[in-house]
């Protein structure tokens, strides 16, 4: 049975998770991305980094800045980001299009180098992250931290797992829950 307090009806008549509200870009993110299984290494790396940037902020803020983040961080190519220098950090600190937080910027560069190690060990980020499907976010967060990753606490990691489809947390009654639950399309 659907919990109608956690659902909203859109102007198209479809029931959605209430968190996406009425902002068109948030609705599009909910309908087309959030919770769909992602197996692309670059998209996985981008999302774990953006979740770190989101810490303490609204996801809508990060979503709206995502194009600027992609440009600033070389399309979230871990190999390129791992080679960023202090000059790049200073450039990013001056980029008003992104969240200018030194710790989060340096974390993204650090995590890019850590991603290379994961890819070498597991063959891909996809193989590593999807190995935690059905497990607790705390397990993944602990493992990442033990491997030297930063800004990957359990809350951040759970949001990543939700967004990348490792769990399907769309509310019962949300039209997307049924869609991704039945055929689990890959994006």
C-alpha atoms as a PDB file:
ATOM      1  CA  UNK A   1       0.000   0.000   0.000  1.00  0.00           C
ATOM      2  CA  UNK A   2       1.328   3.454  -0.930  1.00  0.00           C
ATOM      3  CA  UNK A   3       2.128   5.971   1.778  1.00  0.00           C
ATOM      4  CA  UNK A   4       0.497   9.054   0.272  1.00  0.00           C
ATOM      5  CA  UNK A   5       2.303  11.381   2.707  1.00  0.00           C
ATOM      6  CA  UNK A   6       5.548  10.449   0.972  1.00  0.00           C
ATOM      7  CA  UNK A   7       4.130  10.915  -2.525  1.00  0.00           C
ATOM      8  CA  UNK A   8       3.073  13.858  -4.646  1.00  0.00           C
ATOM      9  CA  UNK A   9       1.018  13.916  -7.819  1.00  0.00           C
ATOM     10  CA  UNK A  10       2.763  15.724 -10.665  1.00  0.00           C
ATOM     11  CA  UNK A  11       1.083  17.927 -13.241  1.00  0.00           C
ATOM     12  CA  UNK A  12       1.237  14.886 -15.553  1.00  0.00           C
ATOM     13  CA  UNK A  13      -0.864  12.903 -13.051  1.00  0.00           C
ATOM     14  CA  UNK A  14       2.006  10.570 -12.077  1.00  0.00           C
ATOM     15  CA  UNK A  15       2.692   9.814  -8.414  1.00  0.00           C
ATOM     16  CA  UNK A  16       6.272  10.574  -7.352  1.00  0.00           C
ATOM     17  CA  UNK A  17       8.423  10.547  -4.238  1.00  0.00           C
ATOM     18  CA  UNK A  18       7.577  13.770  -2.409  1.00  0.00           C
ATOM     19  CA  UNK A  19      11.242  14.810  -2.057  1.00  0.00           C
ATOM     20  CA  UNK A  20      11.415  15.852  -5.699  1.00  0.00           C
ATOM     21  CA  UNK A  21       8.825  18.584  -5.074  1.00  0.00           C
ATOM     22  CA  UNK A  22       7.789  20.812  -7.938  1.00  0.00           C
ATOM     23  CA  UNK A  23      11.136  21.998  -9.364  1.00  0.00           C
ATOM     24  CA  UNK A  24      11.274  20.766 -12.960  1.00  0.00           C
ATOM     25  CA  UNK A  25      14.977  19.878 -12.824  1.00  0.00           C
ATOM     26  CA  UNK A  26      14.459  17.913  -9.613  1.00  0.00           C
ATOM     27  CA  UNK A  27      11.487  16.064 -11.110  1.00  0.00           C
ATOM     28  CA  UNK A  28      13.535  15.205 -14.215  1.00  0.00           C
ATOM     29  CA  UNK A  29      16.369  13.920 -11.990  1.00  0.00           C
ATOM     30  CA  UNK A  30      13.883  11.793 -10.015  1.00  0.00           C
ATOM     31  CA  UNK A  31      12.183  10.435 -13.139  1.00  0.00           C
ATOM     32  CA  UNK A  32      15.233   9.836 -15.334  1.00  0.00           C
ATOM     33  CA  UNK A  33      18.205   9.175 -13.046  1.00  0.00           C
ATOM     34  CA  UNK A  34      17.684   8.591  -9.329  1.00  0.00           C
ATOM     35  CA  UNK A  35      17.627   4.915  -8.483  1.00  0.00           C
ATOM     36  CA  UNK A  36      18.345   3.609 -11.961  1.00  0.00           C
ATOM     37  CA  UNK A  37      21.210   1.091 -11.924  1.00  0.00           C
ATOM     38  CA  UNK A  38      24.425   2.723 -13.146  1.00  0.00           C
ATOM     39  CA  UNK A  39      27.379   0.624 -14.280  1.00  0.00           C
ATOM     40  CA  UNK A  40      29.481   3.305 -15.953  1.00  0.00           C
ATOM     41  CA  UNK A  41      32.720   3.922 -14.033  1.00  0.00           C
ATOM     42  CA  UNK A  42      32.881   7.623 -14.808  1.00  0.00           C
ATOM     43  CA  UNK A  43      29.283   8.184 -13.732  1.00  0.00           C
ATOM     44  CA  UNK A  44      29.901   6.224 -10.515  1.00  0.00           C
ATOM     45  CA  UNK A  45      33.000   8.279  -9.758  1.00  0.00           C
ATOM     46  CA  UNK A  46      31.175  11.528 -10.537  1.00  0.00           C
ATOM     47  CA  UNK A  47      28.311  10.669  -8.235  1.00  0.00           C
ATOM     48  CA  UNK A  48      30.398   9.625  -5.241  1.00  0.00           C
ATOM     49  CA  UNK A  49      32.338  12.895  -5.589  1.00  0.00           C
ATOM     50  CA  UNK A  50      29.206  15.023  -5.976  1.00  0.00           C
ATOM     51  CA  UNK A  51      27.652  13.347  -2.952  1.00  0.00           C
ATOM     52  CA  UNK A  52      30.733  14.453  -1.020  1.00  0.00           C
ATOM     53  CA  UNK A  53      30.267  18.011  -2.265  1.00  0.00           C
ATOM     54  CA  UNK A  54      26.599  17.842  -1.274  1.00  0.00           C
ATOM     55  CA  UNK A  55      27.464  17.163   2.360  1.00  0.00           C
ATOM     56  CA  UNK A  56      25.817  19.951   4.354  1.00  0.00           C
ATOM     57  CA  UNK A  57      24.046  21.350   1.288  1.00  0.00           C
ATOM     58  CA  UNK A  58      20.931  20.656  -0.748  1.00  0.00           C
ATOM     59  CA  UNK A  59      21.226  18.075  -3.540  1.00  0.00           C
ATOM     60  CA  UNK A  60      19.292  20.503  -5.746  1.00  0.00           C
ATOM     61  CA  UNK A  61      22.173  22.992  -5.355  1.00  0.00           C
ATOM     62  CA  UNK A  62      24.657  20.360  -6.542  1.00  0.00           C
ATOM     63  CA  UNK A  63      22.370  19.168  -9.327  1.00  0.00           C
ATOM     64  CA  UNK A  64      22.094  22.686 -10.703  1.00  0.00           C
ATOM     65  CA  UNK A  65      25.888  23.096 -10.542  1.00  0.00           C
ATOM     66  CA  UNK A  66      26.594  19.677 -12.070  1.00  0.00           C
ATOM     67  CA  UNK A  67      27.495  21.002 -15.550  1.00  0.00           C
ATOM     68  CA  UNK A  68      30.050  23.361 -13.994  1.00  0.00           C
ATOM     69  CA  UNK A  69      31.421  20.533 -11.841  1.00  0.00           C
ATOM     70  CA  UNK A  70      31.817  18.350 -14.926  1.00  0.00           C
ATOM     71  CA  UNK A  71      33.741  21.074 -16.709  1.00  0.00           C
ATOM     72  CA  UNK A  72      35.877  21.915 -13.671  1.00  0.00           C
ATOM     73  CA  UNK A  73      36.756  18.267 -12.955  1.00  0.00           C
ATOM     74  CA  UNK A  74      37.599  17.104 -16.506  1.00  0.00           C
ATOM     75  CA  UNK A  75      34.312  15.254 -16.934  1.00  0.00           C
ATOM     76  CA  UNK A  76      35.122  13.313 -13.754  1.00  0.00           C
ATOM     77  CA  UNK A  77      37.733  11.261 -15.573  1.00  0.00           C
ATOM     78  CA  UNK A  78      39.531   9.786 -12.541  1.00  0.00           C
ATOM     79  CA  UNK A  79      42.842   9.518 -14.406  1.00  0.00           C
ATOM     80  CA  UNK A  80      42.829  13.210 -15.254  1.00  0.00           C
ATOM     81  CA  UNK A  81      41.539  14.359 -11.868  1.00  0.00           C
ATOM     82  CA  UNK A  82      44.218  12.334 -10.045  1.00  0.00           C
ATOM     83  CA  UNK A  83      46.853  14.430 -11.836  1.00  0.00           C
ATOM     84  CA  UNK A  84      45.422  17.759 -10.640  1.00  0.00           C
ATOM     85  CA  UNK A  85      47.994  19.955  -8.926  1.00  0.00           C
ATOM     86  CA  UNK A  86      47.880  22.677  -6.288  1.00  0.00           C
ATOM     87  CA  UNK A  87      47.441  25.082  -9.202  1.00  0.00           C
ATOM     88  CA  UNK A  88      44.270  23.226 -10.146  1.00  0.00           C
ATOM     89  CA  UNK A  89      43.066  23.400  -6.544  1.00  0.00           C
ATOM     90  CA  UNK A  90      43.551  27.178  -6.608  1.00  0.00           C
ATOM     91  CA  UNK A  91      41.765  27.402  -9.970  1.00  0.00           C
ATOM     92  CA  UNK A  92      38.830  25.443  -8.564  1.00  0.00           C
ATOM     93  CA  UNK A  93      38.705  27.577  -5.433  1.00  0.00           C
ATOM     94  CA  UNK A  94      38.117  30.535  -7.756  1.00  0.00           C
ATOM     95  CA  UNK A  95      35.395  28.832  -9.801  1.00  0.00           C
ATOM     96  CA  UNK A  96      32.043  30.320  -8.744  1.00  0.00           C
ATOM     97  CA  UNK A  97      30.219  27.636 -10.734  1.00  0.00           C
ATOM     98  CA  UNK A  98      31.079  24.935  -8.201  1.00  0.00           C
ATOM     99  CA  UNK A  99      31.132  24.593  -4.422  1.00  0.00           C
ATOM    100  CA  UNK A 100      34.442  26.186  -3.452  1.00  0.00           C
ATOM    101  CA  UNK A 101      35.449  24.121  -0.449  1.00  0.00           C
ATOM    102  CA  UNK A 102      39.147  23.242  -0.280  1.00  0.00           C
ATOM    103  CA  UNK A 103      38.585  20.023   1.646  1.00  0.00           C
ATOM    104  CA  UNK A 104      35.994  18.735  -0.812  1.00  0.00           C
ATOM    105  CA  UNK A 105      38.115  19.711  -3.829  1.00  0.00           C
ATOM    106  CA  UNK A 106      41.188  17.992  -2.390  1.00  0.00           C
ATOM    107  CA  UNK A 107      39.042  15.000  -1.480  1.00  0.00           C
ATOM    108  CA  UNK A 108      37.922  14.614  -5.095  1.00  0.00           C
ATOM    109  CA  UNK A 109      41.529  14.630  -6.278  1.00  0.00           C
ATOM    110  CA  UNK A 110      42.525  12.138  -3.574  1.00  0.00           C
ATOM    111  CA  UNK A 111      39.576   9.900  -4.374  1.00  0.00           C
ATOM    112  CA  UNK A 112      40.485   9.914  -8.059  1.00  0.00           C
ATOM    113  CA  UNK A 113      43.855   8.406  -7.184  1.00  0.00           C
ATOM    114  CA  UNK A 114      42.130   5.882  -4.897  1.00  0.00           C
ATOM    115  CA  UNK A 115      39.732   5.017  -7.762  1.00  0.00           C
ATOM    116  CA  UNK A 116      42.695   3.978  -9.907  1.00  0.00           C
ATOM    117  CA  UNK A 117      43.756   1.532  -7.199  1.00  0.00           C
ATOM    118  CA  UNK A 118      40.230   0.094  -7.009  1.00  0.00           C
ATOM    119  CA  UNK A 119      40.088  -0.310 -10.787  1.00  0.00           C
ATOM    120  CA  UNK A 120      43.393  -2.156 -10.753  1.00  0.00           C
ATOM    121  CA  UNK A 121      42.233  -4.471  -7.974  1.00  0.00           C
ATOM    122  CA  UNK A 122      38.641  -5.111  -9.111  1.00  0.00           C
ATOM    123  CA  UNK A 123      38.830  -4.412 -12.852  1.00  0.00           C
ATOM    124  CA  UNK A 124      36.355  -1.527 -12.609  1.00  0.00           C
ATOM    125  CA  UNK A 125      34.633   0.771 -10.176  1.00  0.00           C
ATOM    126  CA  UNK A 126      31.434  -0.926 -11.274  1.00  0.00           C
ATOM    127  CA  UNK A 127      32.636  -4.323 -10.031  1.00  0.00           C
ATOM    128  CA  UNK A 128      33.758  -2.827  -6.737  1.00  0.00           C
ATOM    129  CA  UNK A 129      30.660  -0.751  -5.937  1.00  0.00           C
ATOM    130  CA  UNK A 130      28.143  -3.353  -7.122  1.00  0.00           C
ATOM    131  CA  UNK A 131      29.874  -5.882  -4.903  1.00  0.00           C
ATOM    132  CA  UNK A 132      28.192  -3.967  -2.056  1.00  0.00           C
ATOM    133  CA  UNK A 133      24.665  -4.300  -3.434  1.00  0.00           C
ATOM    134  CA  UNK A 134      22.414  -5.569  -0.659  1.00  0.00           C
ATOM    135  CA  UNK A 135      24.935  -4.612   2.015  1.00  0.00           C
ATOM    136  CA  UNK A 136      24.878  -1.819   4.534  1.00  0.00           C
ATOM    137  CA  UNK A 137      26.173   1.616   3.502  1.00  0.00           C
ATOM    138  CA  UNK A 138      28.331   1.573   6.614  1.00  0.00           C
ATOM    139  CA  UNK A 139      30.212  -1.440   5.233  1.00  0.00           C
ATOM    140  CA  UNK A 140      30.967   0.387   1.983  1.00  0.00           C
ATOM    141  CA  UNK A 141      31.872   3.610   3.807  1.00  0.00           C
ATOM    142  CA  UNK A 142      34.266   1.751   6.126  1.00  0.00           C
ATOM    143  CA  UNK A 143      35.908  -0.061   3.238  1.00  0.00           C
ATOM    144  CA  UNK A 144      36.357   3.149   1.265  1.00  0.00           C
ATOM    145  CA  UNK A 145      37.824   4.930   4.287  1.00  0.00           C
ATOM    146  CA  UNK A 146      40.192   2.002   4.911  1.00  0.00           C
ATOM    147  CA  UNK A 147      41.330   2.419   1.306  1.00  0.00           C
ATOM    148  CA  UNK A 148      42.082   6.121   1.854  1.00  0.00           C
ATOM    149  CA  UNK A 149      38.922   7.703   0.434  1.00  0.00           C
ATOM    150  CA  UNK A 150      37.594  10.852   2.090  1.00  0.00           C
ATOM    151  CA  UNK A 151      34.154  12.502   2.397  1.00  0.00           C
ATOM    152  CA  UNK A 152      32.566   9.045   2.253  1.00  0.00           C
ATOM    153  CA  UNK A 153      30.665   8.702   5.508  1.00  0.00           C
ATOM    154  CA  UNK A 154      27.690   6.321   5.795  1.00  0.00           C
ATOM    155  CA  UNK A 155      25.089   9.008   5.001  1.00  0.00           C
ATOM    156  CA  UNK A 156      26.957  10.158   1.900  1.00  0.00           C
ATOM    157  CA  UNK A 157      27.528   6.581   0.784  1.00  0.00           C
ATOM    158  CA  UNK A 158      23.878   5.637   1.311  1.00  0.00           C
ATOM    159  CA  UNK A 159      22.771   8.590  -0.825  1.00  0.00           C
ATOM    160  CA  UNK A 160      25.217   7.356  -3.488  1.00  0.00           C
ATOM    161  CA  UNK A 161      23.809   3.823  -3.274  1.00  0.00           C
ATOM    162  CA  UNK A 162      20.252   5.152  -3.649  1.00  0.00           C
ATOM    163  CA  UNK A 163      21.108   7.363  -6.596  1.00  0.00           C
ATOM    164  CA  UNK A 164      23.127   4.713  -8.455  1.00  0.00           C
ATOM    165  CA  UNK A 165      20.473   2.026  -8.065  1.00  0.00           C
ATOM    166  CA  UNK A 166      22.266  -0.254  -5.614  1.00  0.00           C
ATOM    167  CA  UNK A 167      19.039   0.087  -3.623  1.00  0.00           C
ATOM    168  CA  UNK A 168      15.603   1.045  -4.929  1.00  0.00           C
ATOM    169  CA  UNK A 169      14.297   3.552  -2.405  1.00  0.00           C
ATOM    170  CA  UNK A 170      11.537   5.041  -4.498  1.00  0.00           C
ATOM    171  CA  UNK A 171       8.400   5.098  -2.365  1.00  0.00           C
ATOM    172  CA  UNK A 172       5.746   2.452  -2.810  1.00  0.00           C
ATOM    173  CA  UNK A 173       3.255   3.960  -5.249  1.00  0.00           C
ATOM    174  CA  UNK A 174       5.875   6.034  -7.095  1.00  0.00           C
ATOM    175  CA  UNK A 175       5.642   5.306 -10.807  1.00  0.00           C
ATOM    176  CA  UNK A 176       9.457   5.062 -11.078  1.00  0.00           C
ATOM    177  CA  UNK A 177       9.762   2.392  -8.356  1.00  0.00           C
ATOM    178  CA  UNK A 178       7.716  -0.018 -10.416  1.00  0.00           C
ATOM    179  CA  UNK A 179       9.565   0.867 -13.604  1.00  0.00           C
ATOM    180  CA  UNK A 180      13.054   0.253 -12.250  1.00  0.00           C
ATOM    181  CA  UNK A 181      11.954  -2.600 -10.032  1.00  0.00           C
ATOM    182  CA  UNK A 182      10.581  -4.607 -12.914  1.00  0.00           C
ATOM    183  CA  UNK A 183      13.144  -4.249 -15.670  1.00  0.00           C
ATOM    184  CA  UNK A 184      16.030  -2.424 -13.932  1.00  0.00           C
ATOM    185  CA  UNK A 185      17.108  -0.395 -16.998  1.00  0.00           C
ATOM    186  CA  UNK A 186      20.777   0.516 -17.068  1.00  0.00           C
ATOM    187  CA  UNK A 187      21.946   4.080 -17.597  1.00  0.00           C
END
